[in-house]
Protein backbone atom coordinates (compact mmCIF):
# COMPACT_ATOMS: atom_id res chain seq x y z
CA MET A 1 -23.86 12.62 165.33
CA SER A 2 -22.09 13.64 162.13
CA ASP A 3 -19.16 11.70 160.69
CA SER A 4 -16.85 14.48 161.87
CA ASP A 5 -17.92 14.21 165.50
CA PRO A 6 -15.75 12.09 167.81
CA PRO A 7 -17.30 8.76 168.80
CA SER A 8 -18.73 8.20 172.25
CA TYR A 9 -16.48 6.90 175.01
CA SER A 10 -16.91 5.36 178.45
CA TYR A 11 -13.37 5.75 179.80
CA VAL A 12 -10.65 8.41 179.89
CA ALA A 13 -6.94 7.62 180.11
CA TYR A 14 -4.68 10.47 181.21
CA ILE A 15 -1.07 9.91 180.08
CA ASP A 16 2.17 11.54 181.23
CA GLU A 17 5.81 10.62 181.82
CA SER A 18 8.72 11.20 184.15
CA GLY A 19 12.27 11.16 182.85
CA ASP A 20 13.01 11.67 179.18
CA PRO A 21 13.14 9.43 176.10
CA GLY A 22 16.67 10.31 174.99
CA ILE A 23 18.82 7.25 174.23
CA LYS A 24 21.93 8.67 172.52
CA LYS A 25 23.58 9.31 175.90
CA VAL A 26 22.21 7.74 179.09
CA LYS A 27 23.16 7.99 182.76
CA PRO A 28 25.18 6.54 184.43
CA LEU A 29 27.00 5.44 181.29
CA ASP A 30 27.33 9.12 180.32
CA HIS A 31 27.78 11.76 183.01
CA ASN A 32 25.77 14.35 181.07
CA GLY A 33 23.39 11.83 179.55
CA SER A 34 19.62 11.72 179.65
CA SER A 35 17.80 10.11 182.57
CA GLU A 36 18.51 6.46 183.33
CA TRP A 37 14.77 5.73 183.54
CA LEU A 38 11.73 6.69 181.53
CA MET A 39 8.46 6.14 183.38
CA LEU A 40 5.30 6.37 181.32
CA SER A 41 2.00 6.32 183.18
CA ALA A 42 -1.71 6.17 182.40
CA VAL A 43 -4.51 6.75 184.89
CA VAL A 44 -7.90 5.48 183.71
CA VAL A 45 -11.21 6.83 185.00
CA ALA A 46 -14.80 6.17 184.01
CA ALA A 47 -16.06 8.86 181.63
CA HIS A 48 -18.94 9.81 183.91
CA ARG A 49 -16.36 10.75 186.56
CA GLU A 50 -14.43 13.05 184.22
CA PRO A 51 -16.14 16.19 185.65
CA GLU A 52 -15.15 15.11 189.18
CA VAL A 53 -11.40 15.08 188.55
CA ALA A 54 -10.93 18.82 189.05
CA ASP A 55 -12.61 18.48 192.46
CA TRP A 56 -10.22 15.63 193.35
CA ILE A 57 -7.24 17.87 192.62
CA ALA A 58 -8.78 20.75 194.55
CA GLU A 59 -9.32 18.47 197.55
CA MET A 60 -5.74 17.26 197.26
CA ALA A 61 -4.47 20.84 197.22
CA ALA A 62 -6.60 21.67 200.27
CA ALA A 63 -5.18 18.70 202.17
CA MET A 64 -1.69 19.99 201.37
CA ASN A 65 -2.68 23.51 202.39
CA SER A 66 -1.46 24.58 198.97
CA ARG A 67 -3.14 26.99 196.57
CA GLN A 68 -0.54 26.25 193.91
CA MET A 69 -1.06 22.52 193.41
CA ARG A 70 -2.94 23.14 190.17
CA ASP A 71 0.16 24.66 188.59
CA ILE A 72 3.09 22.61 189.87
CA HIS A 73 4.52 19.16 189.25
CA PHE A 74 4.86 16.30 191.72
CA ALA A 75 8.66 16.58 191.52
CA LYS A 76 8.49 20.03 193.12
CA LEU A 77 6.49 18.92 196.15
CA SER A 78 7.97 18.31 199.59
CA PRO A 79 8.23 14.65 200.68
CA ARG A 80 5.18 15.05 202.94
CA ARG A 81 3.11 16.46 200.08
CA LYS A 82 4.36 13.80 197.69
CA LEU A 83 3.04 11.12 200.01
CA LEU A 84 -0.26 12.96 200.49
CA ALA A 85 -0.69 13.19 196.71
CA CYS A 86 -0.16 9.45 196.26
CA GLU A 87 -2.49 8.63 199.13
CA HIS A 88 -5.19 10.79 197.55
CA VAL A 89 -4.82 9.03 194.19
CA ALA A 90 -4.99 5.67 195.96
CA LYS A 91 -8.43 6.57 197.36
CA ARG A 92 -9.98 7.42 193.99
CA PRO A 93 -11.90 5.08 191.63
CA VAL A 94 -9.10 4.84 189.07
CA ARG A 95 -6.75 2.28 187.55
CA CYS A 96 -3.06 3.16 187.25
CA PHE A 97 -0.53 1.77 184.78
CA VAL A 98 3.24 2.29 184.58
CA VAL A 99 5.72 1.17 181.94
CA ALA A 100 9.27 1.60 183.29
CA SER A 101 12.27 1.53 180.97
CA ASN A 102 15.82 1.38 182.26
CA LYS A 103 17.44 2.89 179.19
CA GLN A 104 21.01 1.68 179.68
CA ASN A 105 20.38 -1.16 177.26
CA MET A 106 18.93 1.31 174.73
CA LYS A 107 21.95 3.66 174.55
CA GLY A 108 22.68 4.38 170.90
CA TRP A 109 20.40 1.57 169.82
CA GLN A 110 19.00 1.71 166.32
CA ASN A 111 16.15 -0.38 165.04
CA PRO A 112 15.96 -0.87 161.25
CA TRP A 113 12.26 -1.71 161.65
CA ALA A 114 11.67 1.47 163.65
CA GLU A 115 13.34 3.58 160.97
CA LYS A 116 10.44 2.71 158.68
CA ILE A 117 7.91 4.06 161.17
CA PRO A 118 6.47 7.46 160.20
CA SER A 119 7.66 9.08 163.44
CA ASP A 120 10.83 10.87 164.49
CA ASN A 121 10.55 9.70 168.09
CA TRP A 122 10.16 5.97 167.74
CA PHE A 123 11.32 5.06 171.28
CA TYR A 124 8.65 7.20 172.97
CA CYS A 125 6.05 5.84 170.54
CA TRP A 126 7.13 2.27 171.29
CA MET A 127 6.91 2.87 175.04
CA THR A 128 3.50 4.44 174.59
CA ARG A 129 2.38 1.42 172.63
CA LEU A 130 3.35 -0.89 175.51
CA LEU A 131 1.34 1.30 177.86
CA ILE A 132 -1.71 1.48 175.63
CA GLU A 133 -1.64 -2.29 175.07
CA ARG A 134 -2.34 -2.69 178.76
CA VAL A 135 -4.81 0.17 179.04
CA THR A 136 -6.91 -1.04 176.11
CA HIS A 137 -6.75 -4.64 177.28
CA TRP A 138 -8.18 -3.52 180.64
CA VAL A 139 -10.80 -1.24 179.04
CA ARG A 140 -11.99 -3.98 176.70
CA ALA A 141 -12.35 -6.55 179.48
CA HIS A 142 -13.92 -4.09 181.92
CA SER A 143 -16.42 -2.69 179.42
CA ILE A 144 -17.58 -6.15 178.37
CA GLU A 145 -18.11 -7.03 182.02
CA GLN A 146 -19.87 -3.75 182.87
CA PHE A 147 -21.84 -3.06 179.69
CA GLY A 148 -21.93 -6.34 177.79
CA GLU A 149 -20.07 -4.76 174.88
CA VAL A 150 -16.75 -3.14 173.99
CA ARG A 151 -16.62 0.59 174.80
CA ARG A 152 -14.03 3.22 173.87
CA VAL A 153 -11.44 5.13 175.87
CA LYS A 154 -10.39 8.73 175.24
CA LEU A 155 -6.60 9.21 175.42
CA ILE A 156 -5.42 12.53 176.86
CA PHE A 157 -1.67 13.15 176.62
CA SER A 158 0.36 15.71 178.51
CA GLU A 159 1.99 18.11 176.10
CA ARG A 160 5.73 17.57 175.87
CA GLY A 161 8.57 18.72 173.66
CA GLY A 162 10.05 16.73 170.80
CA LEU A 163 6.99 14.75 169.80
CA SER A 164 4.40 15.43 167.14
CA TYR A 165 1.09 13.86 168.01
CA SER A 166 0.28 13.60 164.33
CA GLN A 167 3.32 11.31 164.21
CA LEU A 168 1.98 9.33 167.16
CA ASN A 169 -1.33 8.99 165.33
CA ALA A 170 0.48 7.86 162.19
CA TYR A 171 2.50 5.34 164.21
CA TYR A 172 -0.61 3.63 165.57
CA GLU A 173 -2.27 3.58 162.20
CA TRP A 174 0.87 2.10 160.63
CA LEU A 175 0.94 -0.66 163.25
CA ARG A 176 -2.71 -1.35 162.64
CA TYR A 177 -2.14 -1.56 158.90
CA LYS A 178 0.89 -3.84 159.24
CA GLY A 179 -0.75 -6.11 161.79
CA ASP A 180 0.26 -6.92 165.35
CA ASN A 181 2.64 -9.83 164.90
CA GLN A 182 6.02 -8.16 164.41
CA PHE A 183 8.10 -7.94 167.56
CA LEU A 184 5.78 -7.62 170.57
CA PRO A 185 4.43 -10.97 171.81
CA LEU A 186 3.30 -9.46 175.15
CA GLY A 187 -0.10 -8.37 173.87
CA ASN A 188 -1.80 -6.25 171.25
CA ILE A 189 -3.57 -2.91 171.28
CA ALA A 190 -7.31 -3.49 171.43
CA TYR A 191 -8.06 -1.20 168.51
CA ASP A 192 -11.80 -1.51 168.97
CA THR A 193 -11.44 0.54 172.17
CA ILE A 194 -9.66 3.56 170.66
CA SER A 195 -10.14 6.14 167.96
CA MET A 196 -7.63 8.75 166.88
CA ARG A 197 -10.55 11.23 167.03
CA LEU A 198 -10.45 10.54 170.78
CA LEU A 199 -6.81 11.55 171.20
CA GLU A 200 -6.20 14.92 172.86
CA VAL A 201 -3.11 16.83 173.93
CA HIS A 202 -3.20 19.36 176.77
CA ASN A 203 -0.75 21.43 178.77
CA HIS A 204 -0.12 19.85 182.16
CA ALA A 205 -0.52 23.10 184.07
CA GLY A 206 -3.98 23.77 182.69
CA HIS A 207 -5.52 20.31 182.93
CA ALA A 208 -6.54 18.79 186.25
CA GLY A 209 -6.66 15.21 184.97
CA LEU A 210 -3.02 15.27 183.89
CA LYS A 211 -1.95 15.79 187.50
CA LEU A 212 -2.87 12.14 188.09
CA PRO A 213 -0.38 10.42 185.72
CA ASP A 214 2.25 13.00 186.67
CA ILE A 215 1.91 11.85 190.29
CA VAL A 216 2.07 8.17 189.34
CA ALA A 217 4.96 8.40 186.86
CA SER A 218 6.97 10.71 189.13
CA ALA A 219 6.40 8.52 192.18
CA PHE A 220 7.86 5.53 190.33
CA PHE A 221 10.72 7.64 188.97
CA LYS A 222 11.55 8.72 192.51
CA ALA A 223 11.45 5.06 193.58
CA ALA A 224 14.08 3.98 191.03
CA ASP A 225 16.21 7.01 190.19
CA VAL A 226 19.54 7.73 191.92
CA HIS A 227 20.95 10.34 189.54
CA ASP A 228 18.45 13.16 188.99
CA THR A 229 16.20 13.40 192.06
CA GLY A 230 18.52 12.80 195.00
CA ALA A 231 18.12 9.80 197.28
CA LEU A 232 15.43 7.46 196.02
CA ASP A 233 12.27 6.88 198.05
CA ALA A 234 9.91 4.02 197.22
CA ASN A 235 7.24 4.95 199.77
CA PHE A 236 5.36 7.24 197.39
CA ALA A 237 4.92 4.58 194.71
CA LYS A 238 4.07 1.95 197.32
CA ALA A 239 1.18 4.13 198.50
CA LEU A 240 -0.38 3.74 195.02
CA LYS A 241 -0.72 -0.04 195.29
CA PRO A 242 -4.51 -0.09 195.90
CA ARG A 243 -5.08 1.46 192.46
CA MET A 244 -2.39 -0.17 190.35
CA ALA A 245 -4.00 -2.25 187.61
CA ARG A 246 -4.09 -6.02 188.07
CA TRP A 247 -4.83 -8.96 185.84
CA PRO A 248 -7.27 -10.44 186.50
CA ASP A 249 -8.91 -7.22 187.71
CA LYS A 250 -9.53 -8.33 191.27
CA SER A 251 -7.70 -8.30 194.59
CA GLY A 252 -5.71 -11.46 193.80
CA GLY A 253 -4.70 -10.31 190.33
CA GLN A 254 -1.06 -9.74 189.44
CA ILE A 255 0.38 -6.25 189.10
CA ALA A 256 3.88 -7.12 187.82
CA GLY A 257 3.94 -7.17 184.01
CA TYR A 258 0.52 -5.56 183.80
CA GLY A 259 -0.07 -2.52 186.02
CA VAL A 260 3.70 -2.19 186.43
CA LYS A 261 5.72 -3.26 183.40
CA MET A 262 9.53 -3.20 183.44
CA MET A 263 11.62 -3.00 180.28
CA PRO A 264 13.90 -4.87 179.78
CA GLY A 265 13.26 -7.87 182.02
CA PHE A 266 14.05 -7.91 185.74
CA GLY A 267 17.13 -10.11 185.27
CA GLN A 268 18.73 -7.79 182.72
CA VAL A 269 18.06 -4.66 184.76
CA ARG A 270 19.38 -6.32 187.93
CA ARG A 271 22.84 -6.60 186.35
CA ARG A 272 22.95 -2.86 185.61
CA VAL A 273 21.56 -1.07 188.68
CA GLN A 274 21.94 -0.87 192.43
CA PRO A 275 19.75 -3.29 194.41
CA CYS A 276 17.86 -0.41 196.04
CA GLN A 277 16.60 0.66 192.61
CA LEU A 278 14.71 -2.60 192.23
CA GLU A 279 12.94 -2.55 195.58
CA ILE A 280 9.80 -1.00 194.11
CA PHE A 281 9.56 -3.62 191.38
CA SER A 282 10.00 -6.48 193.86
CA TYR A 283 7.27 -4.87 195.97
CA PHE A 284 4.88 -5.08 193.03
CA GLY A 285 5.67 -8.70 192.25
CA TYR A 286 8.95 -8.95 190.34
CA PRO A 287 10.26 -11.57 189.86
CA LYS A 288 7.50 -14.18 190.04
CA GLN A 289 6.02 -16.92 187.91
CA TRP A 290 4.92 -15.27 184.68
CA TRP A 291 1.58 -15.70 183.03
CA ALA A 292 0.73 -15.51 179.34
CA TYR A 293 -0.11 -11.81 179.04
CA GLY A 294 2.71 -10.15 180.94
CA GLY A 295 5.94 -12.08 180.52
CA PRO A 296 9.28 -10.93 181.90
């Protein structure tokens, strides 16, 4: 392998979001503001299963009796098909992660530290960092257990407007250069599991793997949102429970703070939203006794 070739990898993380990262105006504080929630999701699969993912989506489409599933988003599905999609994901050998931000506390917020970051979209980058902290923590632990050594994960992002992925790359490298002790005590990116030569960006419509995080992120958005998607419904996200990441990675491991991470903490969000919007987070373990990695 030449120096220009990407390094080998043993995992793939597909990454997508539901909602938008705007924080200048936010619902319900502003009637015409951006979405109240931003849900960022990653779905991790073993690299040797990467060729199978297209078949998973085809099987999902067949179960829905839909020839168009490859080209549409979860948000456009009927409730019955939404549930079928989540049930199909829950049957696959994957690990799912969600970082959920209720952005009311972020409205108009400026961070002098963030202004120094070489990225125009610091809030999305920061949210992505929280997600990748958890993904790389899981990959590192899992690869040591499975292979006796640390293996890498390829990061595949869904293409979206307003973000330069060269900026995202620069953001991670800046954090790495500065060290990991600034403002995030919840955990650090396991840099030995990633390489910026293993970062790809693809259009959602043309990439089967990106259907997976779209389903997960959108299911959680539907479980918490009361402004943009009609009446909320937590049943879709609940159906994903078998594949939500836990720490430790076993049946008794905790999901809250790890596979499902809420920002800000449960107590702060509880003062700003309707009780029904928090049902999904209580279902996945909020609030409970916190352990060292997750925190409130």
